[in-house]
């Protein structure tokens, strides 16, 4: 299967190379030339790990023996056998993604990515060491460091915004064990760290110098398709759990509400829909850094606004990298159009999509945001009324979903 850059279809690679490169040379993100036909109902008859192996094999067909890779990634590392259990919380379901080794939702993907990278190296007969460069707003850092700890032939450096992650997250990162790990604080916010990492990837002179030293760069952020794809699987798992619990009938549509900053997790849900999962609407939930809410409502993406540190730091982001993949898909894979939007974002910090593209986005995605006070109130109310303790990120999604439900009357079964 060929993968193209979102900014130029003249550049293409296979899926193994897409995982190894992480980011395309032109700064674009890799996307498959088509989403493969997929028997999603047959997929639901397996366990969580069997589902994951089938989905990964379909979307990364150039990496062999996915069953073995999935077992190596997950066996004995998660609290529950089904990796990401779905629980009913009175009126909706919550997909619990905190059962992995670092309690971050990124554990699902970052337990898998080291296996994909090492397998892709073998496919390509690559002897160079891989240096993973990753920016984090909190969750990715520890999960990536733990996932890549002492993996042969791979080194990892994580950059986090100084003062922009929780004290627990900082402590997790700076105390990480392993002979191949490094952590650096960045004076600035997550967007500064992420932009710096992207600048390194697209600095040809520097990357050529590294290659001469026997080092090749890759990424553990969701700009890497290999980081994103494992997240697709747990939306199928959630649907299966809801159907088995009687919350939905097999074949019926669901809504999916996701707290998001970099747009990766909700994009994984959208990819699941393209693979056949019956989804009616995606609810994009933001915190006070509500650039995505404004974009979905207006069609104008504008990062020229105050940046807020919140109680949901993994969403403290103003440049949502994975939105580029959605623009590519919903524009009809128009790489020239996407390239223009990204050039405007780099030059002016904003862009406005075409009316047709805006309509396509608004058809699929609803949106809203909750500030810290709203999230805290949602945590209190959800615990008192439903005896469920939500973290601040989940609380943002609950608050936005409940507002969506009130305003639309949409009673479609939902997973958060």
Protein backbone atom coordinates (compact mmCIF):
# COMPACT_ATOMS: atom_id res chain seq x y z
CA UNK A 1 0.00 0.00 0.00
CA UNK A 2 1.33 3.43 -0.94
CA UNK A 3 1.35 6.34 1.48
CA UNK A 4 1.38 9.94 0.25
CA UNK A 5 2.30 13.17 1.99
CA UNK A 6 -0.74 15.35 2.69
CA UNK A 7 1.16 18.17 0.95
CA UNK A 8 2.43 16.41 -2.18
CA UNK A 9 1.29 13.21 -3.82
CA UNK A 10 4.53 13.25 -5.78
CA UNK A 11 6.21 11.84 -2.67
CA UNK A 12 5.10 8.36 -1.68
CA UNK A 13 6.40 5.42 0.37
CA UNK A 14 5.09 2.08 1.58
CA UNK A 15 3.63 1.65 5.07
CA UNK A 16 6.88 0.36 6.63
CA UNK A 17 8.76 3.41 5.36
CA UNK A 18 5.96 5.72 6.57
CA UNK A 19 6.40 4.37 10.10
CA UNK A 20 10.18 4.75 9.92
CA UNK A 21 10.10 8.32 8.59
CA UNK A 22 7.33 9.60 10.86
CA UNK A 23 7.05 12.91 9.01
CA UNK A 24 7.26 13.39 5.24
CA UNK A 25 10.27 15.41 3.97
CA UNK A 26 8.01 18.27 2.87
CA UNK A 27 6.58 18.60 6.40
CA UNK A 28 3.35 16.85 5.47
CA UNK A 29 1.82 13.83 7.18
CA UNK A 30 1.59 10.41 5.59
CA UNK A 31 -1.81 9.04 4.58
CA UNK A 32 -2.66 5.79 2.74
CA UNK A 33 -3.76 6.25 -0.86
CA UNK A 34 -7.01 4.55 0.12
CA UNK A 35 -8.57 3.03 3.23
CA UNK A 36 -8.69 -0.73 2.64
CA UNK A 37 -11.91 -2.73 2.51
CA UNK A 38 -12.37 -4.17 5.96
CA UNK A 39 -14.82 -6.72 7.43
CA UNK A 40 -15.40 -4.82 10.64
CA UNK A 41 -18.16 -7.10 11.92
CA UNK A 42 -15.91 -10.16 11.67
CA UNK A 43 -13.22 -8.18 13.47
CA UNK A 44 -15.52 -7.72 16.48
CA UNK A 45 -15.67 -11.46 17.10
CA UNK A 46 -12.10 -11.51 18.40
CA UNK A 47 -10.42 -10.33 21.60
CA UNK A 48 -8.98 -6.82 21.95
CA UNK A 49 -5.56 -8.00 20.84
CA UNK A 50 -7.00 -9.98 17.91
CA UNK A 51 -8.97 -6.90 16.80
CA UNK A 52 -5.84 -4.80 17.06
CA UNK A 53 -3.79 -7.23 14.98
CA UNK A 54 -6.39 -7.33 12.19
CA UNK A 55 -6.76 -3.55 12.02
CA UNK A 56 -3.02 -2.94 12.12
CA UNK A 57 -2.42 -5.55 9.41
CA UNK A 58 -5.03 -3.88 7.18
CA UNK A 59 -3.61 -0.38 7.60
CA UNK A 60 0.09 -1.36 7.70
CA UNK A 61 0.22 -4.24 5.21
CA UNK A 62 3.97 -4.04 4.60
CA UNK A 63 4.79 -5.01 8.19
CA UNK A 64 4.46 -8.80 8.62
CA UNK A 65 3.40 -11.07 11.49
CA UNK A 66 1.21 -8.52 13.24
CA UNK A 67 -0.23 -11.11 15.64
CA UNK A 68 3.22 -11.66 17.17
CA UNK A 69 3.97 -7.92 17.33
CA UNK A 70 0.69 -7.22 19.13
CA UNK A 71 1.32 -9.95 21.69
CA UNK A 72 4.79 -8.57 22.40
CA UNK A 73 3.38 -5.07 22.78
CA UNK A 74 0.56 -5.75 25.20
CA UNK A 75 0.92 -9.09 26.94
CA UNK A 76 1.20 -8.62 30.70
CA UNK A 77 1.49 -4.82 30.51
CA UNK A 78 -2.12 -3.72 31.03
CA UNK A 79 -4.34 -4.01 34.10
CA UNK A 80 -7.15 -5.68 32.17
CA UNK A 81 -7.08 -8.42 29.55
CA UNK A 82 -9.21 -6.37 27.13
CA UNK A 83 -6.73 -3.43 27.38
CA UNK A 84 -9.35 -0.66 27.16
CA UNK A 85 -12.60 -1.61 28.94
CA UNK A 86 -15.80 0.33 28.26
CA UNK A 87 -18.06 1.06 31.21
CA UNK A 88 -21.61 2.38 31.36
CA UNK A 89 -21.99 5.66 33.22
CA UNK A 90 -25.74 6.25 33.07
CA UNK A 91 -26.71 7.56 29.66
CA UNK A 92 -23.38 7.06 27.89
CA UNK A 93 -20.35 4.80 27.93
CA UNK A 94 -16.79 5.72 28.92
CA UNK A 95 -13.87 4.10 27.10
CA UNK A 96 -11.20 3.75 29.78
CA UNK A 97 -7.77 4.29 28.24
CA UNK A 98 -5.77 4.57 31.48
CA UNK A 99 -5.15 0.88 32.14
CA UNK A 100 -1.64 0.77 30.67
CA UNK A 101 1.79 0.88 32.34
CA UNK A 102 1.97 4.70 32.71
CA UNK A 103 -1.78 5.39 33.18
CA UNK A 104 -1.81 7.54 30.01
CA UNK A 105 -4.19 6.98 27.10
CA UNK A 106 -1.10 6.99 24.86
CA UNK A 107 0.02 3.63 26.33
CA UNK A 108 -2.10 1.74 23.77
CA UNK A 109 -0.21 3.27 20.86
CA UNK A 110 3.19 3.69 22.48
CA UNK A 111 3.39 0.09 23.63
CA UNK A 112 2.83 -0.87 20.00
CA UNK A 113 5.00 1.65 18.16
CA UNK A 114 8.39 0.20 19.25
CA UNK A 115 7.30 -3.15 17.83
CA UNK A 116 6.23 -1.53 14.55
CA UNK A 117 9.46 0.44 14.25
CA UNK A 118 11.76 -2.50 14.86
CA UNK A 119 9.74 -4.67 12.46
CA UNK A 120 9.82 -1.92 9.82
CA UNK A 121 13.61 -1.68 10.24
CA UNK A 122 13.87 -5.40 9.55
CA UNK A 123 11.62 -5.13 6.48
CA UNK A 124 13.82 -2.38 5.06
CA UNK A 125 17.10 -4.05 6.05
CA UNK A 126 18.03 -0.90 7.93
CA UNK A 127 21.11 -0.95 10.14
CA UNK A 128 21.11 2.71 11.24
CA UNK A 129 20.01 3.58 14.75
CA UNK A 130 16.68 5.36 15.02
CA UNK A 131 16.52 8.53 17.10
CA UNK A 132 12.97 9.29 18.22
CA UNK A 133 12.27 13.00 18.71
CA UNK A 134 8.99 13.68 20.49
CA UNK A 135 7.22 16.71 21.88
CA UNK A 136 4.75 16.14 24.69
CA UNK A 137 1.97 18.06 26.39
CA UNK A 138 2.10 15.53 29.22
CA UNK A 139 0.89 12.04 28.35
CA UNK A 140 3.04 11.14 25.35
CA UNK A 141 6.36 11.75 27.11
CA UNK A 142 6.27 9.12 29.82
CA UNK A 143 4.40 6.61 27.66
CA UNK A 144 6.98 6.98 24.87
CA UNK A 145 9.95 6.80 27.23
CA UNK A 146 8.57 3.67 28.86
CA UNK A 147 7.66 2.08 25.53
CA UNK A 148 11.10 2.64 23.98
CA UNK A 149 13.19 2.03 27.10
CA UNK A 150 16.20 -0.15 26.20
CA UNK A 151 14.75 -1.11 22.79
CA UNK A 152 17.83 -2.16 20.75
CA UNK A 153 18.78 0.18 17.92
CA UNK A 154 16.46 2.96 19.09
CA UNK A 155 17.14 6.10 21.14
CA UNK A 156 14.53 8.60 22.27
CA UNK A 157 14.56 12.26 23.33
CA UNK A 158 11.42 13.86 24.71
CA UNK A 159 10.82 17.62 24.86
CA UNK A 160 8.21 18.99 27.26
CA UNK A 161 7.11 22.58 28.02
CA UNK A 162 8.72 23.78 31.24
CA UNK A 163 5.88 24.38 33.71
CA UNK A 164 3.36 23.15 31.15
CA UNK A 165 2.86 19.58 32.39
CA UNK A 166 1.61 18.33 35.73
CA UNK A 167 4.11 17.65 38.49
CA UNK A 168 3.26 13.95 38.32
CA UNK A 169 3.95 13.88 34.58
CA UNK A 170 7.23 15.76 34.99
CA UNK A 171 8.32 13.38 37.76
CA UNK A 172 7.44 10.38 35.60
CA UNK A 173 9.59 11.67 32.76
CA UNK A 174 12.68 12.93 34.58
CA UNK A 175 12.99 9.75 36.65
CA UNK A 176 12.66 7.44 33.62
CA UNK A 177 15.12 4.56 33.62
CA UNK A 178 16.83 3.27 30.49
CA UNK A 179 20.17 3.54 28.71
CA UNK A 180 18.67 5.08 25.56
CA UNK A 181 16.39 7.83 26.94
CA UNK A 182 16.76 11.59 27.35
CA UNK A 183 14.38 14.35 28.48
CA UNK A 184 14.58 18.11 27.92
CA UNK A 185 12.43 20.96 29.19
CA UNK A 186 11.62 23.67 26.65
CA UNK A 187 11.18 27.35 27.46
CA UNK A 188 7.74 27.78 25.88
CA UNK A 189 4.54 25.82 25.44
CA UNK A 190 3.75 22.55 23.68
CA UNK A 191 3.35 24.25 20.32
CA UNK A 192 6.89 25.62 20.61
CA UNK A 193 8.21 22.14 21.38
CA UNK A 194 6.24 20.52 18.56
CA UNK A 195 7.26 23.20 16.04
CA UNK A 196 10.90 22.75 17.04
CA UNK A 197 10.74 19.00 16.50
CA UNK A 198 9.09 19.47 13.08
CA UNK A 199 11.79 22.00 12.14
CA UNK A 200 14.49 19.43 12.88
CA UNK A 201 12.75 16.83 10.70
CA UNK A 202 12.60 19.19 7.73
CA UNK A 203 16.20 20.50 8.11
CA UNK A 204 17.81 18.52 5.30
CA UNK A 205 21.39 19.55 6.11
CA UNK A 206 21.01 18.42 9.70
CA UNK A 207 19.24 15.16 8.89
CA UNK A 208 21.87 14.38 6.24
CA UNK A 209 24.60 14.95 8.84
CA UNK A 210 22.82 12.57 11.22
CA UNK A 211 22.57 9.93 8.49
CA UNK A 212 26.32 10.15 7.98
CA UNK A 213 26.65 9.40 11.69
CA UNK A 214 24.43 6.32 11.26
CA UNK A 215 21.35 7.92 12.83
CA UNK A 216 17.88 8.24 11.33
CA UNK A 217 15.12 10.38 12.83
CA UNK A 218 11.58 9.27 13.55
CA UNK A 219 8.74 10.41 15.78
CA UNK A 220 6.51 8.96 18.49
CA UNK A 221 3.97 11.78 18.20
CA UNK A 222 0.73 11.11 16.37
CA UNK A 223 2.21 12.82 13.31
CA UNK A 224 3.64 9.30 12.83
CA UNK A 225 0.98 7.11 11.21
CA UNK A 226 2.36 4.17 13.19
CA UNK A 227 1.47 5.99 16.41
CA UNK A 228 -2.04 6.78 15.23
CA UNK A 229 -3.14 3.43 13.83
CA UNK A 230 -3.11 1.44 17.12
CA UNK A 231 -5.62 3.95 18.49
CA UNK A 232 -8.12 3.03 15.75
CA UNK A 233 -8.53 -0.42 17.30
CA UNK A 234 -10.01 0.65 20.61
CA UNK A 235 -12.99 2.32 18.95
CA UNK A 236 -13.94 -1.06 17.48
CA UNK A 237 -13.41 -2.58 20.92
CA UNK A 238 -15.67 0.05 22.49
CA UNK A 239 -18.41 -0.64 19.96
CA UNK A 240 -18.17 -4.35 20.68
CA UNK A 241 -18.42 -3.71 24.44
CA UNK A 242 -21.46 -1.47 23.96
CA UNK A 243 -23.18 -4.06 21.77
CA UNK A 244 -22.44 -6.88 24.21
CA UNK A 245 -23.82 -4.74 27.05
CA UNK A 246 -27.02 -4.01 25.12
CA UNK A 247 -26.29 -0.28 24.79
CA UNK A 248 -26.43 -0.57 20.99
CA UNK A 249 -27.47 -3.20 18.45
CA UNK A 250 -24.84 -4.52 16.06
CA UNK A 251 -24.96 -2.36 12.95
CA UNK A 252 -26.54 0.67 14.63
CA UNK A 253 -24.70 3.98 14.70
CA UNK A 254 -23.02 5.51 17.74
CA UNK A 255 -21.67 8.96 18.56
CA UNK A 256 -18.09 9.39 19.77
CA UNK A 257 -17.00 12.30 21.98
CA UNK A 258 -13.26 12.86 22.38
CA UNK A 259 -11.28 15.39 24.46
CA UNK A 260 -8.60 16.50 22.05
CA UNK A 261 -5.84 19.03 21.49
CA UNK A 262 -3.64 17.65 18.70
CA UNK A 263 -6.66 16.03 16.96
CA UNK A 264 -4.98 12.61 16.89
CA UNK A 265 -7.34 10.58 19.06
CA UNK A 266 -10.49 11.88 17.38
CA UNK A 267 -8.90 11.39 13.96
CA UNK A 268 -8.29 7.74 14.90
CA UNK A 269 -12.02 7.49 15.57
CA UNK A 270 -12.74 9.00 12.15
CA UNK A 271 -10.37 6.48 10.51
CA UNK A 272 -12.36 3.75 12.30
CA UNK A 273 -15.49 5.08 10.57
CA UNK A 274 -13.73 4.98 7.19
CA UNK A 275 -12.89 1.33 7.97
CA UNK A 276 -16.60 0.62 8.42
CA UNK A 277 -17.43 1.38 12.06
CA UNK A 278 -20.97 2.86 12.09
CA UNK A 279 -20.53 6.35 13.58
CA UNK A 280 -23.12 9.10 13.22
CA UNK A 281 -21.32 12.09 14.73
CA UNK A 282 -17.99 12.99 16.31
CA UNK A 283 -18.06 15.49 19.17
CA UNK A 284 -14.75 17.36 19.41
CA UNK A 285 -14.25 18.55 23.00
CA UNK A 286 -11.74 21.29 23.83
CA UNK A 287 -10.65 22.99 27.04
CA UNK A 288 -10.13 26.75 27.34
CA UNK A 289 -7.63 26.52 24.45
CA UNK A 290 -10.64 26.23 22.15
CA UNK A 291 -9.03 26.77 18.74
CA UNK A 292 -10.70 23.61 17.37
CA UNK A 293 -14.15 24.68 18.57
CA UNK A 294 -13.81 28.02 16.80
CA UNK A 295 -12.51 26.31 13.66
CA UNK A 296 -15.31 23.77 13.37
CA UNK A 297 -17.89 26.50 13.96
CA UNK A 298 -16.42 29.14 11.64
CA UNK A 299 -14.12 27.43 9.14
CA UNK A 300 -11.23 29.69 10.19
CA UNK A 301 -8.30 28.21 12.09
CA UNK A 302 -6.51 30.95 14.03
CA UNK A 303 -3.75 30.18 16.53
CA UNK A 304 -3.19 33.90 17.21
CA UNK A 305 -4.81 33.87 20.63
CA UNK A 306 -3.86 33.60 24.31
CA UNK A 307 -2.43 30.27 25.43
CA UNK A 308 -3.81 28.91 28.71
CA UNK A 309 -2.36 26.40 31.16
CA UNK A 310 -5.27 24.28 32.36
CA UNK A 311 -6.08 21.29 34.54
CA UNK A 312 -6.26 19.20 31.33
CA UNK A 313 -2.69 19.84 30.11
CA UNK A 314 -2.67 17.19 27.37
CA UNK A 315 -5.12 19.45 25.52
CA UNK A 316 -3.13 22.68 26.01
CA UNK A 317 -2.37 23.00 22.31
CA UNK A 318 -3.03 25.68 19.68
CA UNK A 319 -1.53 23.92 16.62
CA UNK A 320 -3.51 20.72 16.07
CA UNK A 321 -1.22 18.78 13.76
CA UNK A 322 -3.53 15.92 12.87
CA UNK A 323 -6.21 18.28 11.62
CA UNK A 324 -4.08 18.38 8.46
CA UNK A 325 -4.97 14.75 7.77
CA UNK A 326 -8.69 15.50 8.07
CA UNK A 327 -8.38 18.46 5.69
CA UNK A 328 -6.65 16.16 3.22
CA UNK A 329 -9.35 13.49 3.42
CA UNK A 330 -12.38 15.80 3.31
CA UNK A 331 -10.94 17.98 0.54
CA UNK A 332 -10.88 14.92 -1.71
CA UNK A 333 -7.15 14.36 -1.10
CA UNK A 334 -6.35 17.76 -2.58
CA UNK A 335 -2.70 18.11 -1.61
CA UNK A 336 -2.37 21.53 -3.24
CA UNK A 337 -5.26 22.89 -1.20
CA UNK A 338 -3.84 21.46 2.04
CA UNK A 339 -0.39 22.79 1.20
CA UNK A 340 -1.88 26.26 0.83
CA UNK A 341 -3.60 26.09 4.21
CA UNK A 342 -0.43 24.93 5.96
CA UNK A 343 1.64 27.65 4.27
CA UNK A 344 -0.85 30.25 5.50
CA UNK A 345 -0.70 28.80 9.02
CA UNK A 346 3.11 29.00 9.00
CA UNK A 347 3.10 32.57 7.62
CA UNK A 348 0.11 34.22 9.29
CA UNK A 349 -0.90 31.77 12.02
CA UNK A 350 -4.32 31.22 10.46
CA UNK A 351 -6.22 30.00 7.43
CA UNK A 352 -9.84 29.76 6.26
CA UNK A 353 -11.01 26.63 4.48
CA UNK A 354 -13.30 26.65 1.46
CA UNK A 355 -17.09 26.69 2.10
CA UNK A 356 -17.40 23.15 0.74
CA UNK A 357 -14.69 21.79 3.01
CA UNK A 358 -16.19 23.60 6.00
CA UNK A 359 -19.58 22.01 5.30
CA UNK A 360 -17.98 18.58 5.06
CA UNK A 361 -16.26 19.05 8.43
CA UNK A 362 -19.38 20.41 10.14
CA UNK A 363 -21.42 17.46 8.83
CA UNK A 364 -19.14 14.97 10.57
CA UNK A 365 -18.03 16.94 13.63
CA UNK A 366 -19.86 18.79 16.39
CA UNK A 367 -17.81 20.71 18.93
CA UNK A 368 -17.70 22.59 22.20
CA UNK A 369 -15.38 23.47 25.06
CA UNK A 370 -15.30 23.50 28.85
CA UNK A 371 -12.99 25.59 31.01
CA UNK A 372 -11.43 24.41 34.28
CA UNK A 373 -14.44 25.46 36.36
CA UNK A 374 -16.77 23.59 34.03
CA UNK A 375 -14.59 20.50 34.15
CA UNK A 376 -14.40 20.60 37.96
CA UNK A 377 -18.17 20.95 38.23
CA UNK A 378 -18.58 18.01 35.84
CA UNK A 379 -16.22 15.87 37.95
CA UNK A 380 -18.23 16.67 41.08
CA UNK A 381 -21.64 16.10 39.49
CA UNK A 382 -20.62 12.90 37.69
CA UNK A 383 -19.26 11.43 40.90
CA UNK A 384 -22.21 12.47 43.08
CA UNK A 385 -24.89 11.43 40.60
CA UNK A 386 -23.28 8.43 38.90
CA UNK A 387 -20.50 7.37 41.28
CA UNK A 388 -17.94 7.64 38.49
CA UNK A 389 -14.69 9.55 39.06
CA UNK A 390 -13.62 11.30 35.85
CA UNK A 391 -10.22 12.89 35.29
CA UNK A 392 -10.19 16.51 33.99
CA UNK A 393 -9.72 15.48 30.34
CA UNK A 394 -12.65 13.04 30.46
CA UNK A 395 -14.68 15.67 32.31
CA UNK A 396 -14.18 18.14 29.46
CA UNK A 397 -15.60 15.57 27.03
CA UNK A 398 -18.52 14.74 29.33
CA UNK A 399 -19.40 18.43 29.70
CA UNK A 400 -19.23 19.04 25.95
CA UNK A 401 -21.19 15.88 25.14
CA UNK A 402 -23.94 16.74 27.62
CA UNK A 403 -24.20 20.25 26.15
CA UNK A 404 -24.38 18.75 22.64
CA UNK A 405 -27.11 16.35 23.71
CA UNK A 406 -29.16 19.16 25.30
CA UNK A 407 -28.85 21.44 22.28
CA UNK A 408 -29.55 18.80 19.62
CA UNK A 409 -31.75 16.23 21.34
CA UNK A 410 -29.56 13.58 19.72
CA UNK A 411 -30.14 10.37 21.71
CA UNK A 412 -27.76 8.21 19.66
CA UNK A 413 -25.81 5.90 22.03
CA UNK A 414 -22.48 7.57 22.77
CA UNK A 415 -19.01 6.61 23.93
CA UNK A 416 -16.68 9.13 25.56
